[in-house]
Amino acid sequence: MKTTDNKIPITNKPNSVVERIDTDGNIIQRRYYDSNGRAVKDIDYTNHGNPNQHPKVPHEHT
């Protein structure tokens, strides 16, 4: 599923993936869900406007 919403849901369909995209269709964030539908991993394709804390792009949050 793709969304332009600012926040991706914490829970979703089990074993699914949601991509947050910008208005140009570029992926900003991808969230993975486990077999219970809980978020388990995010991959961010920006530095969130904070290059000192996130110098590597893309980067992962679990």
Protein backbone atom coordinates (compact mmCIF):
# COMPACT_ATOMS: atom_id res chain seq x y z
CA MET A 1 0.00 0.00 0.00
CA LYS A 2 1.20 3.54 -0.70
CA THR A 3 0.17 6.64 1.23
CA THR A 4 0.98 10.35 1.31
CA ASP A 5 -0.17 10.62 4.96
CA ASN A 6 2.42 12.07 7.33
CA LYS A 7 2.17 9.09 9.66
CA ILE A 8 2.10 5.41 8.74
CA PRO A 9 -0.10 3.28 11.02
CA ILE A 10 1.53 1.34 13.89
CA THR A 11 -0.64 -1.68 13.05
CA ASN A 12 -1.79 -2.94 9.67
CA LYS A 13 -2.62 -6.12 7.80
CA PRO A 14 -0.31 -8.96 8.94
CA ASN A 15 2.89 -9.42 6.89
CA SER A 16 2.26 -6.26 4.90
CA VAL A 17 4.35 -3.27 3.83
CA VAL A 18 3.27 0.38 3.65
CA GLU A 19 5.22 3.03 1.73
CA ARG A 20 4.91 6.74 2.50
CA ILE A 21 5.50 8.76 -0.66
CA ASP A 22 5.87 12.46 -1.42
CA THR A 23 3.82 14.39 -3.97
CA ASP A 24 6.34 13.48 -6.70
CA GLY A 25 5.91 9.76 -5.99
CA ASN A 26 9.28 9.31 -4.27
CA ILE A 27 9.41 6.88 -1.34
CA ILE A 28 10.03 8.67 1.97
CA GLN A 29 9.55 5.71 4.31
CA ARG A 30 8.74 2.02 4.14
CA ARG A 31 7.23 0.15 7.14
CA TYR A 32 7.14 -3.62 7.54
CA TYR A 33 4.60 -5.50 9.68
CA ASP A 34 4.90 -8.88 11.39
CA SER A 35 2.47 -11.82 11.35
CA ASN A 36 0.36 -10.07 14.02
CA GLY A 37 0.16 -6.82 12.05
CA ARG A 38 2.53 -4.88 14.33
CA ALA A 39 5.20 -2.58 12.92
CA VAL A 40 8.63 -4.21 13.18
CA LYS A 41 10.92 -2.18 10.91
CA ASP A 42 11.04 1.20 9.18
CA ILE A 43 13.39 2.16 6.40
CA ASP A 44 13.70 5.92 5.97
CA TYR A 45 14.83 7.34 2.65
CA THR A 46 15.52 10.83 4.05
CA ASN A 47 17.51 12.18 6.99
CA HIS A 48 14.34 13.67 8.58
CA GLY A 49 15.93 17.11 8.23
CA ASN A 50 18.59 16.06 10.74
CA PRO A 51 21.77 15.08 8.87
CA ASN A 52 23.86 15.00 12.08
CA GLN A 53 21.70 12.28 13.62
CA HIS A 54 21.00 10.44 10.33
CA PRO A 55 24.04 10.93 8.08
CA LYS A 56 23.38 7.65 6.28
CA VAL A 57 20.41 7.49 3.89
CA PRO A 58 18.60 5.19 3.65
CA HIS A 59 18.69 4.03 7.26
CA GLU A 60 16.72 1.54 9.34
CA HIS A 61 14.75 1.76 12.59
CA THR A 62 13.50 -1.36 14.37
